Amino acid sequence: MKTHPLNVSYLVVGLVFLGIAGSWALSASNVIDASAIRWLLPLTLVVAGAVGLVAFAAKSLSHHDNNYPDGDDR
């Protein structure tokens, strides 16, 4: 089965969108107050950025491993 390549930018934008929507949902349902959004939104950006860096590193490592022909022990 052929898989689609990982698109890191789509992953990061999706995580940012989910974080903003989750912050809004928590605020609208009065689970958190407005002052908590001051740290929740930047936390969303930091987590999405960290996941993006890890995904980019994993993608580049897997792409690097596929460059060698089978049986080559470089």
N, C-alpha and C. Protein backbone atom coordinates (compact mmCIF):
# COMPACT_ATOMS: atom_id res chain seq x y z
N MET A 1 0.84 -1.17 0.00
CA MET A 1 0.00 0.00 0.00
C MET A 1 0.89 1.24 0.00
N LYS A 2 0.63 2.14 -0.89
CA LYS A 2 1.41 3.37 -0.98
C LYS A 2 0.81 4.42 -0.05
N THR A 3 1.66 5.03 0.76
CA THR A 3 1.19 6.06 1.69
C THR A 3 1.51 7.44 1.13
N HIS A 4 0.78 8.41 1.59
CA HIS A 4 1.03 9.79 1.18
C HIS A 4 2.18 10.36 2.00
N PRO A 5 2.98 11.22 1.41
CA PRO A 5 4.07 11.83 2.19
C PRO A 5 3.52 12.81 3.22
N LEU A 6 4.25 12.96 4.29
CA LEU A 6 3.85 13.87 5.37
C LEU A 6 4.07 15.31 4.93
N ASN A 7 3.05 16.12 5.03
CA ASN A 7 3.17 17.54 4.75
C ASN A 7 3.17 18.27 6.09
N VAL A 8 4.34 18.69 6.51
CA VAL A 8 4.53 19.25 7.85
C VAL A 8 3.76 20.55 8.03
N SER A 9 3.71 21.37 6.99
CA SER A 9 3.01 22.66 7.14
C SER A 9 1.52 22.45 7.35
N TYR A 10 0.91 21.47 6.67
CA TYR A 10 -0.51 21.18 6.90
C TYR A 10 -0.74 20.68 8.32
N LEU A 11 0.19 19.88 8.83
CA LEU A 11 0.08 19.37 10.18
C LEU A 11 0.11 20.51 11.20
N VAL A 12 1.05 21.44 11.04
CA VAL A 12 1.19 22.55 11.99
C VAL A 12 -0.02 23.47 11.93
N VAL A 13 -0.48 23.80 10.73
CA VAL A 13 -1.65 24.68 10.60
C VAL A 13 -2.89 24.00 11.19
N GLY A 14 -3.03 22.71 10.99
CA GLY A 14 -4.16 21.98 11.58
C GLY A 14 -4.11 21.98 13.10
N LEU A 15 -2.92 21.81 13.66
CA LEU A 15 -2.79 21.84 15.12
C LEU A 15 -3.08 23.23 15.69
N VAL A 16 -2.62 24.27 14.99
CA VAL A 16 -2.92 25.64 15.44
C VAL A 16 -4.43 25.87 15.39
N PHE A 17 -5.08 25.45 14.31
CA PHE A 17 -6.53 25.61 14.20
C PHE A 17 -7.25 24.86 15.32
N LEU A 18 -6.85 23.63 15.59
CA LEU A 18 -7.48 22.87 16.67
C LEU A 18 -7.25 23.52 18.03
N GLY A 19 -6.06 24.08 18.23
CA GLY A 19 -5.78 24.75 19.50
C GLY A 19 -6.62 26.00 19.69
N ILE A 20 -6.78 26.80 18.63
CA ILE A 20 -7.59 28.01 18.72
C ILE A 20 -9.06 27.65 18.92
N ALA A 21 -9.53 26.65 18.16
CA ALA A 21 -10.93 26.23 18.31
C ALA A 21 -11.17 25.63 19.69
N GLY A 22 -10.22 24.87 20.20
CA GLY A 22 -10.36 24.31 21.54
C GLY A 22 -10.35 25.38 22.61
N SER A 23 -9.52 26.40 22.44
CA SER A 23 -9.51 27.51 23.39
C SER A 23 -10.83 28.25 23.39
N TRP A 24 -11.37 28.47 22.19
CA TRP A 24 -12.66 29.13 22.09
C TRP A 24 -13.75 28.29 22.74
N ALA A 25 -13.74 26.99 22.48
CA ALA A 25 -14.78 26.10 23.04
C ALA A 25 -14.70 26.07 24.56
N LEU A 26 -13.50 26.03 25.11
CA LEU A 26 -13.36 26.03 26.57
C LEU A 26 -13.80 27.36 27.17
N SER A 27 -13.51 28.44 26.47
CA SER A 27 -13.93 29.76 26.96
C SER A 27 -15.44 29.95 26.84
N ALA A 28 -16.01 29.50 25.73
CA ALA A 28 -17.46 29.67 25.52
C ALA A 28 -18.27 28.82 26.49
N SER A 29 -17.75 27.69 26.90
CA SER A 29 -18.48 26.84 27.84
C SER A 29 -18.14 27.14 29.29
N ASN A 30 -17.41 28.23 29.52
CA ASN A 30 -17.03 28.70 30.86
C ASN A 30 -16.21 27.68 31.64
N VAL A 31 -15.47 26.85 30.95
CA VAL A 31 -14.55 25.94 31.63
C VAL A 31 -13.31 26.70 32.08
N ILE A 32 -12.86 27.63 31.24
CA ILE A 32 -11.75 28.51 31.61
C ILE A 32 -12.23 29.95 31.49
N ASP A 33 -11.59 30.85 32.21
CA ASP A 33 -11.96 32.25 32.12
C ASP A 33 -11.08 32.96 31.08
N ALA A 34 -11.37 34.19 30.83
CA ALA A 34 -10.70 34.94 29.77
C ALA A 34 -9.21 35.13 30.06
N SER A 35 -8.83 35.18 31.33
CA SER A 35 -7.42 35.36 31.64
C SER A 35 -6.59 34.12 31.30
N ALA A 36 -7.22 32.96 31.27
CA ALA A 36 -6.48 31.74 30.94
C ALA A 36 -6.13 31.68 29.46
N ILE A 37 -6.86 32.40 28.62
CA ILE A 37 -6.56 32.40 27.19
C ILE A 37 -5.23 33.11 26.93
N ARG A 38 -4.83 34.00 27.83
CA ARG A 38 -3.56 34.72 27.66
C ARG A 38 -2.37 33.76 27.61
N TRP A 39 -2.45 32.61 28.27
CA TRP A 39 -1.36 31.65 28.21
C TRP A 39 -1.71 30.43 27.36
N LEU A 40 -2.99 30.19 27.12
CA LEU A 40 -3.41 29.02 26.35
C LEU A 40 -3.11 29.18 24.86
N LEU A 41 -3.32 30.35 24.30
CA LEU A 41 -3.04 30.56 22.88
C LEU A 41 -1.55 30.50 22.56
N PRO A 42 -0.67 31.16 23.34
CA PRO A 42 0.76 30.98 23.06
C PRO A 42 1.24 29.53 23.27
N LEU A 43 0.65 28.84 24.24
CA LEU A 43 1.00 27.45 24.45
C LEU A 43 0.64 26.61 23.23
N THR A 44 -0.49 26.92 22.61
CA THR A 44 -0.90 26.24 21.39
C THR A 44 0.14 26.42 20.28
N LEU A 45 0.63 27.64 20.12
CA LEU A 45 1.62 27.91 19.08
C LEU A 45 2.94 27.21 19.37
N VAL A 46 3.35 27.18 20.63
CA VAL A 46 4.61 26.52 20.98
C VAL A 46 4.51 25.01 20.75
N VAL A 47 3.40 24.41 21.16
CA VAL A 47 3.23 22.96 20.97
C VAL A 47 3.15 22.61 19.49
N ALA A 48 2.41 23.39 18.71
CA ALA A 48 2.31 23.13 17.27
C ALA A 48 3.68 23.28 16.60
N GLY A 49 4.45 24.26 17.01
CA GLY A 49 5.79 24.43 16.47
C GLY A 49 6.72 23.28 16.83
N ALA A 50 6.63 22.81 18.06
CA ALA A 50 7.47 21.68 18.49
C ALA A 50 7.10 20.41 17.73
N VAL A 51 5.81 20.17 17.56
CA VAL A 51 5.38 19.00 16.78
C VAL A 51 5.84 19.13 15.34
N GLY A 52 5.79 20.33 14.78
CA GLY A 52 6.27 20.55 13.43
C GLY A 52 7.75 20.27 13.28
N LEU A 53 8.55 20.71 14.26
CA LEU A 53 9.99 20.44 14.21
C LEU A 53 10.29 18.95 14.30
N VAL A 54 9.59 18.24 15.18
CA VAL A 54 9.79 16.80 15.31
C VAL A 54 9.36 16.09 14.02
N ALA A 55 8.23 16.49 13.46
CA ALA A 55 7.76 15.86 12.22
C ALA A 55 8.72 16.13 11.07
N PHE A 56 9.25 17.34 10.99
CA PHE A 56 10.21 17.68 9.93
C PHE A 56 11.49 16.86 10.08
N ALA A 57 11.96 16.71 11.32
CA ALA A 57 13.17 15.92 11.55
C ALA A 57 12.93 14.45 11.21
N ALA A 58 11.78 13.92 11.60
CA ALA A 58 11.46 12.52 11.29
C ALA A 58 11.32 12.31 9.79
N LYS A 59 10.73 13.27 9.11
CA LYS A 59 10.56 13.16 7.67
C LYS A 59 11.91 13.19 6.97
N SER A 60 12.79 14.08 7.40
CA SER A 60 14.10 14.17 6.75
C SER A 60 14.96 12.95 7.06
N LEU A 61 14.84 12.37 8.25
CA LEU A 61 15.58 11.16 8.57
C LEU A 61 15.09 9.98 7.75
N SER A 62 13.77 9.84 7.61
CA SER A 62 13.25 8.72 6.82
C SER A 62 13.56 8.91 5.35
N HIS A 63 13.59 10.14 4.87
CA HIS A 63 13.93 10.40 3.48
C HIS A 63 15.42 10.11 3.25
N HIS A 64 16.25 10.42 4.23
CA HIS A 64 17.69 10.16 4.13
C HIS A 64 17.97 8.66 4.09
N ASP A 65 17.23 7.87 4.87
CA ASP A 65 17.43 6.42 4.90
C ASP A 65 17.02 5.77 3.58
N ASN A 66 16.06 6.34 2.87
CA ASN A 66 15.58 5.76 1.63
C ASN A 66 16.49 6.06 0.45
N ASN A 67 17.51 6.89 0.61
CA ASN A 67 18.40 7.25 -0.49
C ASN A 67 19.40 6.13 -0.81
N TYR A 68 19.68 5.25 0.14
CA TYR A 68 20.65 4.20 -0.09
C TYR A 68 19.97 2.97 -0.68
N PRO A 69 20.61 2.32 -1.63
CA PRO A 69 20.02 1.10 -2.19
C PRO A 69 20.01 -0.01 -1.15
N ASP A 70 19.19 -1.01 -1.38
CA ASP A 70 19.08 -2.13 -0.44
C ASP A 70 20.43 -2.84 -0.32
N GLY A 71 20.80 -3.15 0.89
CA GLY A 71 22.02 -3.85 1.14
C GLY A 71 23.23 -2.95 1.32
N ASP A 72 23.09 -1.68 1.17
CA ASP A 72 24.21 -0.74 1.34
C ASP A 72 24.25 -0.31 2.80
N ASP A 73 25.38 -0.53 3.47
CA ASP A 73 25.48 -0.28 4.92
C ASP A 73 26.14 1.04 5.25
N ARG A 74 25.90 2.08 4.54
CA ARG A 74 26.54 3.35 4.84
C ARG A 74 26.06 3.88 6.11
